[in-house]
Amino acid sequence: MTAKTRLYLIRHGEVAGAGVPRYNGHTDVSLSERGVAQYHKLKERFAGTGVTACYTSDLTRCVVGAEIIGQHLGIKPVLSPNLRELNVGKWEGKSWTELMEQYPVEWQARLDDIVNYRVPGGENLIDLENRIIPEIDSIVERHRGEEALVVAHGGANRIILLNAIGASFSSIFNIEQSYACLNIIDYYADGKTVVTLLNG
């Protein structure tokens, strides 16, 4: 095995209003009390690790957790808008039920082509890949042979994970990303990657 760079990839904690499925996207929603507690519980997972850097989406639901875990590790998080969730344009903040009622044709069009469909004013999965993967590549390159923490979002994390294993983005919902889940990606110098999912 060649030398590796390890990324600990976290999805943000539970958000306020999590009981109603909706697309928050770039909307800066707050965490629920449970979401904050989930971050504090995650601190235990980093006992014995060698994390030297922390990067986070600049949205509150990620920044709060990055600061909680970063303080525990003695690391100041670096905020990056490139690590934000998929921008869903005019669908931002709307529940799935509202979208199915208000935009039934567009909703079905997205289901029919999850990779390429772009909500007006938003991004598709290719746009998200083009925004987030160069950021991840930069983090890996910057921390060769080290361990770093990345705090991001459900959809964003799925793109990072699918990219790491070379899988099609049409499989985006085949990967579970529960609130405050932890994924580990080992990037080897020879180009190979190994992914470990630690949901729950």
N, C-alpha and C. Protein backbone atom coordinates (compact mmCIF):
# COMPACT_ATOMS: atom_id res chain seq x y z
N MET A 1 0.83 -1.20 0.00
CA MET A 1 0.00 0.00 0.00
C MET A 1 0.87 1.26 0.00
N THR A 2 0.47 2.22 -0.79
CA THR A 2 1.19 3.48 -0.80
C THR A 2 0.67 4.39 0.31
N ALA A 3 1.35 5.51 0.53
CA ALA A 3 0.95 6.44 1.58
C ALA A 3 -0.46 6.96 1.31
N LYS A 4 -1.21 7.22 2.38
CA LYS A 4 -2.59 7.65 2.21
C LYS A 4 -2.87 8.96 2.92
N THR A 5 -3.89 9.64 2.41
CA THR A 5 -4.45 10.83 3.05
C THR A 5 -5.86 10.45 3.47
N ARG A 6 -6.17 10.64 4.74
CA ARG A 6 -7.49 10.24 5.24
C ARG A 6 -8.38 11.44 5.45
N LEU A 7 -9.59 11.39 4.85
CA LEU A 7 -10.60 12.42 5.08
C LEU A 7 -11.72 11.83 5.93
N TYR A 8 -12.03 12.51 7.01
CA TYR A 8 -13.22 12.20 7.80
C TYR A 8 -14.31 13.14 7.28
N LEU A 9 -15.33 12.58 6.67
CA LEU A 9 -16.38 13.36 6.03
C LEU A 9 -17.67 13.23 6.83
N ILE A 10 -18.16 14.36 7.36
CA ILE A 10 -19.35 14.35 8.21
C ILE A 10 -20.49 15.08 7.51
N ARG A 11 -21.69 14.55 7.68
CA ARG A 11 -22.87 15.33 7.31
C ARG A 11 -23.29 16.14 8.54
N HIS A 12 -23.78 17.33 8.31
CA HIS A 12 -24.20 18.19 9.43
C HIS A 12 -25.26 17.50 10.29
N GLY A 13 -25.44 18.01 11.50
CA GLY A 13 -26.44 17.48 12.42
C GLY A 13 -27.86 17.82 11.98
N GLU A 14 -28.80 17.28 12.73
CA GLU A 14 -30.21 17.50 12.43
C GLU A 14 -30.55 18.99 12.42
N VAL A 15 -31.36 19.41 11.44
CA VAL A 15 -31.73 20.82 11.34
C VAL A 15 -33.12 21.06 11.90
N ALA A 16 -33.40 22.31 12.23
CA ALA A 16 -34.74 22.68 12.69
C ALA A 16 -35.76 22.34 11.60
N GLY A 17 -36.88 21.75 11.99
CA GLY A 17 -37.92 21.38 11.03
C GLY A 17 -37.62 20.11 10.28
N ALA A 18 -36.72 19.29 10.80
CA ALA A 18 -36.30 18.07 10.09
C ALA A 18 -37.42 17.06 9.91
N GLY A 19 -38.50 17.19 10.65
CA GLY A 19 -39.61 16.25 10.54
C GLY A 19 -40.34 16.32 9.22
N VAL A 20 -40.17 17.44 8.50
CA VAL A 20 -40.83 17.61 7.20
C VAL A 20 -39.75 17.64 6.11
N PRO A 21 -39.67 16.60 5.26
CA PRO A 21 -38.64 16.57 4.21
C PRO A 21 -38.76 17.79 3.30
N ARG A 22 -37.61 18.47 3.09
CA ARG A 22 -37.61 19.64 2.21
C ARG A 22 -36.22 19.82 1.64
N TYR A 23 -36.11 20.65 0.61
CA TYR A 23 -34.81 20.99 0.03
C TYR A 23 -34.34 22.31 0.62
N ASN A 24 -33.36 22.25 1.51
CA ASN A 24 -32.81 23.48 2.09
C ASN A 24 -31.75 24.12 1.20
N GLY A 25 -30.97 23.29 0.50
CA GLY A 25 -29.97 23.82 -0.41
C GLY A 25 -29.05 24.82 0.23
N HIS A 26 -28.99 26.04 -0.34
CA HIS A 26 -28.13 27.09 0.19
C HIS A 26 -28.80 27.93 1.27
N THR A 27 -30.06 27.61 1.58
CA THR A 27 -30.75 28.33 2.65
C THR A 27 -30.05 28.06 3.98
N ASP A 28 -29.80 29.10 4.75
CA ASP A 28 -28.99 28.96 5.97
C ASP A 28 -29.88 28.62 7.16
N VAL A 29 -30.35 27.38 7.21
CA VAL A 29 -31.21 26.94 8.30
C VAL A 29 -30.37 26.62 9.54
N SER A 30 -31.02 26.70 10.70
CA SER A 30 -30.32 26.43 11.95
C SER A 30 -30.43 24.96 12.34
N LEU A 31 -29.62 24.56 13.29
CA LEU A 31 -29.66 23.20 13.82
C LEU A 31 -30.75 23.09 14.89
N SER A 32 -31.28 21.89 15.06
CA SER A 32 -32.15 21.61 16.19
C SER A 32 -31.26 21.36 17.41
N GLU A 33 -31.87 21.28 18.58
CA GLU A 33 -31.09 20.94 19.78
C GLU A 33 -30.44 19.57 19.62
N ARG A 34 -31.17 18.66 19.02
CA ARG A 34 -30.62 17.32 18.77
C ARG A 34 -29.43 17.40 17.83
N GLY A 35 -29.50 18.28 16.84
CA GLY A 35 -28.40 18.43 15.90
C GLY A 35 -27.12 18.88 16.57
N VAL A 36 -27.24 19.83 17.50
CA VAL A 36 -26.07 20.29 18.25
C VAL A 36 -25.52 19.16 19.11
N ALA A 37 -26.42 18.43 19.77
CA ALA A 37 -25.99 17.31 20.62
C ALA A 37 -25.28 16.23 19.81
N GLN A 38 -25.73 16.02 18.58
CA GLN A 38 -25.09 15.01 17.72
C GLN A 38 -23.63 15.36 17.46
N TYR A 39 -23.36 16.62 17.27
CA TYR A 39 -21.97 17.05 17.05
C TYR A 39 -21.12 16.78 18.29
N HIS A 40 -21.67 17.08 19.46
CA HIS A 40 -20.91 16.84 20.69
C HIS A 40 -20.62 15.35 20.87
N LYS A 41 -21.60 14.52 20.51
CA LYS A 41 -21.38 13.07 20.60
C LYS A 41 -20.32 12.60 19.62
N LEU A 42 -20.24 13.25 18.45
CA LEU A 42 -19.26 12.86 17.44
C LEU A 42 -17.81 13.07 17.91
N LYS A 43 -17.62 13.97 18.87
CA LYS A 43 -16.26 14.24 19.34
C LYS A 43 -15.57 12.96 19.80
N GLU A 44 -16.36 12.03 20.37
CA GLU A 44 -15.78 10.77 20.86
C GLU A 44 -15.14 9.96 19.74
N ARG A 45 -15.68 10.12 18.52
CA ARG A 45 -15.19 9.33 17.38
C ARG A 45 -13.76 9.71 16.99
N PHE A 46 -13.30 10.85 17.44
CA PHE A 46 -11.98 11.34 17.01
C PHE A 46 -10.87 11.07 18.02
N ALA A 47 -11.20 10.30 19.06
CA ALA A 47 -10.17 9.90 20.03
C ALA A 47 -9.12 9.05 19.32
N GLY A 48 -7.87 9.44 19.46
CA GLY A 48 -6.79 8.67 18.87
C GLY A 48 -6.52 8.94 17.40
N THR A 49 -7.28 9.84 16.80
CA THR A 49 -7.02 10.19 15.40
C THR A 49 -5.93 11.26 15.34
N GLY A 50 -5.48 11.51 14.13
CA GLY A 50 -4.42 12.52 13.95
C GLY A 50 -4.86 13.67 13.08
N VAL A 51 -6.11 14.11 13.24
CA VAL A 51 -6.65 15.17 12.40
C VAL A 51 -5.90 16.48 12.63
N THR A 52 -5.41 17.07 11.53
CA THR A 52 -4.62 18.31 11.63
C THR A 52 -5.30 19.51 10.99
N ALA A 53 -6.45 19.27 10.32
CA ALA A 53 -7.12 20.38 9.63
C ALA A 53 -8.61 20.09 9.55
N CYS A 54 -9.40 21.16 9.47
CA CYS A 54 -10.85 21.03 9.37
C CYS A 54 -11.38 22.02 8.34
N TYR A 55 -12.18 21.52 7.41
CA TYR A 55 -12.81 22.34 6.38
C TYR A 55 -14.31 22.15 6.46
N THR A 56 -15.06 23.23 6.23
CA THR A 56 -16.50 23.14 6.36
C THR A 56 -17.22 24.03 5.35
N SER A 57 -18.41 23.59 4.97
CA SER A 57 -19.33 24.48 4.27
C SER A 57 -19.52 25.72 5.14
N ASP A 58 -19.77 26.85 4.50
CA ASP A 58 -19.92 28.09 5.26
C ASP A 58 -21.35 28.32 5.75
N LEU A 59 -22.22 27.31 5.60
CA LEU A 59 -23.58 27.43 6.12
C LEU A 59 -23.63 27.02 7.59
N THR A 60 -24.48 27.69 8.35
CA THR A 60 -24.51 27.55 9.81
C THR A 60 -24.60 26.11 10.28
N ARG A 61 -25.42 25.30 9.62
CA ARG A 61 -25.62 23.93 10.09
C ARG A 61 -24.35 23.09 10.03
N CYS A 62 -23.38 23.52 9.24
CA CYS A 62 -22.07 22.86 9.19
C CYS A 62 -21.05 23.57 10.07
N VAL A 63 -21.06 24.90 10.03
CA VAL A 63 -20.05 25.69 10.77
C VAL A 63 -20.12 25.41 12.27
N VAL A 64 -21.34 25.34 12.82
CA VAL A 64 -21.50 25.08 14.26
C VAL A 64 -20.79 23.79 14.65
N GLY A 65 -21.02 22.74 13.86
CA GLY A 65 -20.39 21.46 14.17
C GLY A 65 -18.89 21.46 13.97
N ALA A 66 -18.44 22.13 12.91
CA ALA A 66 -17.00 22.22 12.67
C ALA A 66 -16.30 22.93 13.82
N GLU A 67 -16.97 23.92 14.38
CA GLU A 67 -16.39 24.65 15.51
C GLU A 67 -16.40 23.79 16.78
N ILE A 68 -17.47 23.03 16.99
CA ILE A 68 -17.54 22.14 18.16
C ILE A 68 -16.44 21.09 18.11
N ILE A 69 -16.32 20.42 16.98
CA ILE A 69 -15.31 19.36 16.85
C ILE A 69 -13.92 19.96 16.72
N GLY A 70 -13.82 21.07 15.98
CA GLY A 70 -12.53 21.73 15.83
C GLY A 70 -11.95 22.18 17.16
N GLN A 71 -12.79 22.74 18.01
CA GLN A 71 -12.32 23.17 19.33
C GLN A 71 -11.84 21.97 20.14
N HIS A 72 -12.57 20.87 20.03
CA HIS A 72 -12.18 19.63 20.71
C HIS A 72 -10.80 19.14 20.25
N LEU A 73 -10.51 19.35 18.96
CA LEU A 73 -9.24 18.89 18.39
C LEU A 73 -8.16 19.96 18.40
N GLY A 74 -8.53 21.17 18.82
CA GLY A 74 -7.56 22.27 18.81
C GLY A 74 -7.27 22.80 17.42
N ILE A 75 -8.29 22.77 16.55
CA ILE A 75 -8.14 23.18 15.15
C ILE A 75 -9.18 24.24 14.81
N LYS A 76 -8.78 25.27 14.08
CA LYS A 76 -9.72 26.29 13.63
C LYS A 76 -10.25 25.91 12.25
N PRO A 77 -11.57 25.78 12.10
CA PRO A 77 -12.13 25.38 10.80
C PRO A 77 -11.92 26.44 9.72
N VAL A 78 -11.74 25.97 8.50
CA VAL A 78 -11.65 26.82 7.32
C VAL A 78 -12.99 26.74 6.60
N LEU A 79 -13.65 27.88 6.40
CA LEU A 79 -14.97 27.92 5.76
C LEU A 79 -14.84 28.02 4.25
N SER A 80 -15.64 27.22 3.54
CA SER A 80 -15.61 27.25 2.08
C SER A 80 -17.02 27.15 1.50
N PRO A 81 -17.45 28.13 0.71
CA PRO A 81 -18.75 28.04 0.04
C PRO A 81 -18.79 26.92 -1.00
N ASN A 82 -17.63 26.45 -1.44
CA ASN A 82 -17.60 25.35 -2.42
C ASN A 82 -18.08 24.03 -1.83
N LEU A 83 -18.15 23.95 -0.49
CA LEU A 83 -18.61 22.73 0.18
C LEU A 83 -20.10 22.77 0.49
N ARG A 84 -20.79 23.78 -0.02
CA ARG A 84 -22.23 23.89 0.22
C ARG A 84 -23.00 22.77 -0.46
N GLU A 85 -24.25 22.63 -0.01
CA GLU A 85 -25.18 21.67 -0.60
C GLU A 85 -25.54 22.09 -2.02
N LEU A 86 -26.19 21.18 -2.76
CA LEU A 86 -26.73 21.48 -4.08
C LEU A 86 -27.66 22.68 -3.99
N ASN A 87 -27.45 23.65 -4.88
CA ASN A 87 -28.33 24.81 -4.96
C ASN A 87 -29.57 24.38 -5.76
N VAL A 88 -30.75 24.46 -5.13
CA VAL A 88 -31.97 24.02 -5.81
C VAL A 88 -32.83 25.20 -6.25
N GLY A 89 -32.21 26.35 -6.45
CA GLY A 89 -32.88 27.48 -7.08
C GLY A 89 -34.22 27.84 -6.47
N LYS A 90 -35.25 27.88 -7.31
CA LYS A 90 -36.56 28.33 -6.83
C LYS A 90 -37.25 27.31 -5.93
N TRP A 91 -36.63 26.13 -5.77
CA TRP A 91 -37.18 25.12 -4.86
C TRP A 91 -36.64 25.28 -3.44
N GLU A 92 -35.72 26.17 -3.24
CA GLU A 92 -35.08 26.32 -1.92
C GLU A 92 -36.11 26.55 -0.82
N GLY A 93 -35.98 25.78 0.25
CA GLY A 93 -36.83 25.95 1.42
C GLY A 93 -38.19 25.30 1.32
N LYS A 94 -38.54 24.77 0.17
CA LYS A 94 -39.86 24.17 -0.01
C LYS A 94 -39.85 22.69 0.37
N SER A 95 -40.97 22.24 0.95
CA SER A 95 -41.08 20.83 1.31
C SER A 95 -41.33 20.00 0.06
N TRP A 96 -41.06 18.69 0.16
CA TRP A 96 -41.30 17.80 -0.97
C TRP A 96 -42.77 17.81 -1.36
N THR A 97 -43.64 17.86 -0.36
CA THR A 97 -45.08 17.88 -0.64
C THR A 97 -45.46 19.12 -1.43
N GLU A 98 -44.95 20.28 -1.02
CA GLU A 98 -45.21 21.52 -1.74
C GLU A 98 -44.73 21.44 -3.18
N LEU A 99 -43.55 20.88 -3.37
CA LEU A 99 -42.98 20.79 -4.71
C LEU A 99 -43.80 19.87 -5.61
N MET A 100 -44.24 18.75 -5.06
CA MET A 100 -45.05 17.82 -5.87
C MET A 100 -46.38 18.45 -6.26
N GLU A 101 -46.91 19.31 -5.38
CA GLU A 101 -48.18 19.98 -5.68
C GLU A 101 -48.00 21.15 -6.64
N GLN A 102 -46.93 21.94 -6.44
CA GLN A 102 -46.74 23.17 -7.22
C GLN A 102 -46.02 22.95 -8.55
N TYR A 103 -45.13 21.96 -8.57
CA TYR A 103 -44.32 21.71 -9.77
C TYR A 103 -44.34 20.23 -10.14
N PRO A 104 -45.50 19.64 -10.38
CA PRO A 104 -45.55 18.20 -10.63
C PRO A 104 -44.76 17.75 -11.86
N VAL A 105 -44.80 18.55 -12.93
CA VAL A 105 -44.07 18.18 -14.15
C VAL A 105 -42.57 18.24 -13.92
N GLU A 106 -42.12 19.34 -13.28
CA GLU A 106 -40.68 19.51 -13.00
C GLU A 106 -40.20 18.46 -11.99
N TRP A 107 -41.03 18.16 -11.01
CA TRP A 107 -40.67 17.13 -10.01
C TRP A 107 -40.42 15.79 -10.70
N GLN A 108 -41.31 15.41 -11.60
CA GLN A 108 -41.15 14.15 -12.32
C GLN A 108 -39.94 14.19 -13.25
N ALA A 109 -39.72 15.35 -13.87
CA ALA A 109 -38.56 15.48 -14.76
C ALA A 109 -37.26 15.26 -13.99
N ARG A 110 -37.20 15.76 -12.76
CA ARG A 110 -35.99 15.55 -11.96
C ARG A 110 -35.85 14.09 -11.57
N LEU A 111 -36.94 13.45 -11.20
CA LEU A 111 -36.88 12.03 -10.87
C LEU A 111 -36.43 11.20 -12.07
N ASP A 112 -36.84 11.62 -13.27
CA ASP A 112 -36.49 10.89 -14.49
C ASP A 112 -35.03 11.07 -14.90
N ASP A 113 -34.44 12.17 -14.49
CA ASP A 113 -33.03 12.44 -14.86
C ASP A 113 -32.35 13.19 -13.72
N ILE A 114 -32.10 12.46 -12.64
CA ILE A 114 -31.58 13.06 -11.41
C ILE A 114 -30.22 13.70 -11.60
N VAL A 115 -29.44 13.22 -12.55
CA VAL A 115 -28.08 13.75 -12.75
C VAL A 115 -28.09 15.09 -13.47
N ASN A 116 -28.87 15.18 -14.53
CA ASN A 116 -28.78 16.35 -15.41
C ASN A 116 -29.85 17.42 -15.19
N TYR A 117 -30.95 17.05 -14.52
CA TYR A 117 -32.02 18.04 -14.35
C TYR A 117 -31.55 19.18 -13.45
N ARG A 118 -31.79 20.40 -13.90
CA ARG A 118 -31.38 21.59 -13.14
C ARG A 118 -32.64 22.40 -12.82
N VAL A 119 -32.92 22.58 -11.53
CA VAL A 119 -34.03 23.43 -11.12
C VAL A 119 -33.71 24.86 -11.57
N PRO A 120 -34.67 25.59 -12.13
CA PRO A 120 -34.41 26.97 -12.54
C PRO A 120 -33.75 27.79 -11.42
N GLY A 121 -32.62 28.40 -11.78
CA GLY A 121 -31.87 29.19 -10.81
C GLY A 121 -30.94 28.38 -9.93
N GLY A 122 -30.89 27.05 -10.15
CA GLY A 122 -30.07 26.18 -9.30
C GLY A 122 -29.01 25.42 -10.06
N GLU A 123 -28.58 24.31 -9.48
CA GLU A 123 -27.53 23.47 -10.05
C GLU A 123 -28.07 22.08 -10.34
N ASN A 124 -27.39 21.35 -11.23
CA ASN A 124 -27.62 19.91 -11.33
C ASN A 124 -26.43 19.20 -10.69
N LEU A 125 -26.44 17.88 -10.71
CA LEU A 125 -25.37 17.14 -10.02
C LEU A 125 -24.01 17.32 -10.68
N ILE A 126 -24.00 17.57 -11.98
CA ILE A 126 -22.73 17.84 -12.66
C ILE A 126 -22.15 19.17 -12.19
N ASP A 127 -23.02 20.18 -12.04
CA ASP A 127 -22.57 21.47 -11.50
C ASP A 127 -21.99 21.30 -10.11
N LEU A 128 -22.67 20.50 -9.29
CA LEU A 128 -22.21 20.26 -7.92
C LEU A 128 -20.85 19.57 -7.93
N GLU A 129 -20.71 18.57 -8.79
CA GLU A 129 -19.42 17.88 -8.92
C GLU A 129 -18.32 18.87 -9.31
N ASN A 130 -18.61 19.73 -10.28
CA ASN A 130 -17.61 20.68 -10.76
C ASN A 130 -17.23 21.72 -9.71
N ARG A 131 -18.10 21.91 -8.74
CA ARG A 131 -17.81 22.86 -7.66
C ARG A 131 -17.09 22.19 -6.49
N ILE A 132 -17.54 21.00 -6.14
CA ILE A 132 -17.07 20.42 -4.88
C ILE A 132 -15.85 19.50 -5.03
N ILE A 133 -15.73 18.78 -6.13
CA ILE A 133 -14.61 17.84 -6.27
C ILE A 133 -13.26 18.55 -6.37
N PRO A 134 -13.13 19.67 -7.11
CA PRO A 134 -11.85 20.39 -7.08
C PRO A 134 -11.48 20.85 -5.67
N GLU A 135 -12.48 21.18 -4.87
CA GLU A 135 -12.21 21.58 -3.48
C GLU A 135 -11.67 20.41 -2.67
N ILE A 136 -12.28 19.24 -2.84
CA ILE A 136 -11.80 18.05 -2.14
C ILE A 136 -10.41 17.67 -2.63
N ASP A 137 -10.19 17.72 -3.94
CA ASP A 137 -8.86 17.41 -4.49
C ASP A 137 -7.80 18.34 -3.90
N SER A 138 -8.16 19.61 -3.74
CA SER A 138 -7.23 20.59 -3.19
C SER A 138 -6.92 20.28 -1.73
N ILE A 139 -7.93 19.88 -0.98
CA ILE A 139 -7.71 19.53 0.43
C ILE A 139 -6.81 18.31 0.55
N VAL A 140 -7.08 17.30 -0.28
CA VAL A 140 -6.25 16.08 -0.26
C VAL A 140 -4.81 16.41 -0.62
N GLU A 141 -4.62 17.22 -1.65
CA GLU A 141 -3.27 17.59 -2.07
C GLU A 141 -2.55 18.40 -1.00
N ARG A 142 -3.27 19.26 -0.33
CA ARG A 142 -2.70 20.12 0.70
C ARG A 142 -2.28 19.34 1.94
N HIS A 143 -2.91 18.18 2.15
CA HIS A 143 -2.67 17.41 3.37
C HIS A 143 -2.21 15.99 3.07
N ARG A 144 -1.35 15.86 2.08
CA ARG A 144 -0.81 14.55 1.72
C ARG A 144 -0.20 13.85 2.93
N GLY A 145 -0.63 12.61 3.16
CA GLY A 145 -0.10 11.83 4.27
C GLY A 145 -0.67 12.21 5.62
N GLU A 146 -1.67 13.09 5.64
CA GLU A 146 -2.24 13.55 6.90
C GLU A 146 -3.70 13.13 7.01
N GLU A 147 -4.36 13.60 8.08
CA GLU A 147 -5.78 13.35 8.29
C GLU A 147 -6.49 14.68 8.41
N ALA A 148 -7.61 14.83 7.69
CA ALA A 148 -8.36 16.09 7.72
C ALA A 148 -9.84 15.79 7.88
N LEU A 149 -10.56 16.75 8.44
CA LEU A 149 -12.00 16.65 8.65
C LEU A 149 -12.72 17.58 7.69
N VAL A 150 -13.80 17.08 7.07
CA VAL A 150 -14.64 17.90 6.20
C VAL A 150 -16.08 17.78 6.69
N VAL A 151 -16.73 18.92 6.92
CA VAL A 151 -18.13 18.94 7.35
C VAL A 151 -18.97 19.52 6.22
N ALA A 152 -19.88 18.72 5.68
CA ALA A 152 -20.67 19.19 4.54
C ALA A 152 -22.11 18.69 4.65
N HIS A 153 -22.73 18.37 3.52
CA HIS A 153 -24.16 18.12 3.45
C HIS A 153 -24.47 16.77 2.81
N GLY A 154 -25.71 16.32 2.95
CA GLY A 154 -26.09 15.00 2.45
C GLY A 154 -25.82 14.80 0.97
N GLY A 155 -26.35 15.69 0.13
CA GLY A 155 -26.13 15.56 -1.31
C GLY A 155 -24.68 15.76 -1.69
N ALA A 156 -24.05 16.75 -1.11
CA ALA A 156 -22.64 17.03 -1.38
C ALA A 156 -21.77 15.83 -1.00
N ASN A 157 -22.03 15.26 0.16
CA ASN A 157 -21.25 14.10 0.61
C ASN A 157 -21.41 12.92 -0.33
N ARG A 158 -22.64 12.71 -0.81
CA ARG A 158 -22.87 11.59 -1.72
C ARG A 158 -22.05 11.75 -3.00
N ILE A 159 -21.96 12.97 -3.50
CA ILE A 159 -21.15 13.22 -4.69
C ILE A 159 -19.68 12.92 -4.41
N ILE A 160 -19.20 13.35 -3.26
CA ILE A 160 -17.80 13.09 -2.88
C ILE A 160 -17.54 11.59 -2.79
N LEU A 161 -18.47 10.86 -2.17
CA LEU A 161 -18.30 9.41 -1.99
C LEU A 161 -18.40 8.66 -3.31
N LEU A 162 -19.36 9.02 -4.15
CA LEU A 162 -19.49 8.36 -5.44
C LEU A 162 -18.28 8.64 -6.32
N ASN A 163 -17.76 9.85 -6.26
CA ASN A 163 -16.55 10.19 -7.00
C ASN A 163 -15.37 9.35 -6.51
N ALA A 164 -15.30 9.16 -5.20
CA ALA A 164 -14.17 8.41 -4.62
C ALA A 164 -14.15 6.95 -5.08
N ILE A 165 -15.34 6.36 -5.29
CA ILE A 165 -15.37 4.96 -5.71
C ILE A 165 -15.61 4.81 -7.21
N GLY A 166 -15.70 5.94 -7.91
CA GLY A 166 -15.87 5.89 -9.36
C GLY A 166 -17.23 5.41 -9.81
N ALA A 167 -18.26 5.67 -8.98
CA ALA A 167 -19.61 5.22 -9.31
C ALA A 167 -20.41 6.32 -9.99
N SER A 168 -21.45 5.94 -10.71
CA SER A 168 -22.31 6.89 -11.41
C SER A 168 -23.12 7.72 -10.42
N PHE A 169 -23.29 8.99 -10.73
CA PHE A 169 -24.08 9.86 -9.87
C PHE A 169 -25.56 9.50 -9.89
N SER A 170 -25.98 8.66 -10.84
CA SER A 170 -27.37 8.19 -10.85
C SER A 170 -27.65 7.31 -9.64
N SER A 171 -26.59 6.87 -8.96
CA SER A 171 -26.72 6.05 -7.74
C SER A 171 -26.71 6.89 -6.47
N ILE A 172 -26.94 8.19 -6.60
CA ILE A 172 -26.77 9.10 -5.47
C ILE A 172 -27.60 8.71 -4.25
N PHE A 173 -28.80 8.16 -4.47
CA PHE A 173 -29.63 7.80 -3.32
C PHE A 173 -29.42 6.37 -2.86
N ASN A 174 -28.42 5.70 -3.42
CA ASN A 174 -28.05 4.37 -2.94
C ASN A 174 -27.11 4.45 -1.75
N ILE A 175 -26.68 5.65 -1.40
CA ILE A 175 -25.80 5.86 -0.26
C ILE A 175 -26.57 6.62 0.82
N GLU A 176 -26.67 6.05 1.99
CA GLU A 176 -27.37 6.70 3.10
C GLU A 176 -26.44 7.73 3.75
N GLN A 177 -27.00 8.90 4.04
CA GLN A 177 -26.26 9.94 4.74
C GLN A 177 -27.18 10.55 5.80
N SER A 178 -27.29 9.87 6.94
CA SER A 178 -28.14 10.36 8.02
C SER A 178 -27.47 11.56 8.68
N TYR A 179 -28.25 12.32 9.45
CA TYR A 179 -27.70 13.48 10.14
C TYR A 179 -26.52 13.06 11.02
N ALA A 180 -25.44 13.82 10.92
CA ALA A 180 -24.23 13.63 11.74
C ALA A 180 -23.54 12.29 11.49
N CYS A 181 -23.76 11.69 10.31
CA CYS A 181 -23.06 10.45 10.01
C CYS A 181 -21.59 10.74 9.71
N LEU A 182 -20.77 9.73 9.87
CA LEU A 182 -19.34 9.86 9.64
C LEU A 182 -18.91 8.88 8.56
N ASN A 183 -18.21 9.39 7.55
CA ASN A 183 -17.63 8.57 6.49
C ASN A 183 -16.11 8.76 6.53
N ILE A 184 -15.39 7.74 6.15
CA ILE A 184 -13.93 7.84 6.08
C ILE A 184 -13.50 7.50 4.66
N ILE A 185 -12.72 8.38 4.06
CA ILE A 185 -12.18 8.13 2.72
C ILE A 185 -10.66 8.18 2.79
N ASP A 186 -10.04 7.08 2.39
CA ASP A 186 -8.58 7.04 2.31
C ASP A 186 -8.17 7.20 0.85
N TYR A 187 -7.42 8.27 0.59
CA TYR A 187 -6.92 8.54 -0.75
C TYR A 187 -5.44 8.13 -0.79
N TYR A 188 -5.13 7.12 -1.60
CA TYR A 188 -3.75 6.64 -1.68
C TYR A 188 -2.99 7.37 -2.79
N ALA A 189 -1.69 7.46 -2.61
CA ALA A 189 -0.84 8.19 -3.55
C ALA A 189 -0.87 7.59 -4.95
N ASP A 190 -1.21 6.29 -5.05
CA ASP A 190 -1.26 5.65 -6.37
C ASP A 190 -2.61 5.84 -7.05
N GLY A 191 -3.50 6.65 -6.45
CA GLY A 191 -4.79 6.93 -7.06
C GLY A 191 -5.94 6.08 -6.56
N LYS A 192 -5.65 5.04 -5.79
CA LYS A 192 -6.71 4.19 -5.26
C LYS A 192 -7.40 4.88 -4.07
N THR A 193 -8.66 4.52 -3.85
CA THR A 193 -9.40 5.04 -2.70
C THR A 193 -10.13 3.91 -2.00
N VAL A 194 -10.30 4.06 -0.70
CA VAL A 194 -11.08 3.11 0.11
C VAL A 194 -12.05 3.92 0.94
N VAL A 195 -13.33 3.54 0.90
CA VAL A 195 -14.37 4.27 1.61
C VAL A 195 -14.96 3.41 2.72
N THR A 196 -15.13 4.01 3.89
CA THR A 196 -15.78 3.36 5.02
C THR A 196 -16.96 4.22 5.45
N LEU A 197 -18.17 3.65 5.51
CA LEU A 197 -19.36 4.38 5.93
C LEU A 197 -19.70 3.99 7.36
N LEU A 198 -19.85 4.99 8.21
CA LEU A 198 -20.15 4.74 9.62
C LEU A 198 -21.43 5.49 10.02
N ASN A 199 -22.53 5.18 9.35
CA ASN A 199 -23.79 5.82 9.68
C ASN A 199 -24.27 5.37 11.05
N GLY A 200 -24.84 6.32 11.81
CA GLY A 200 -25.45 5.98 13.08
C GLY A 200 -24.47 5.74 14.18
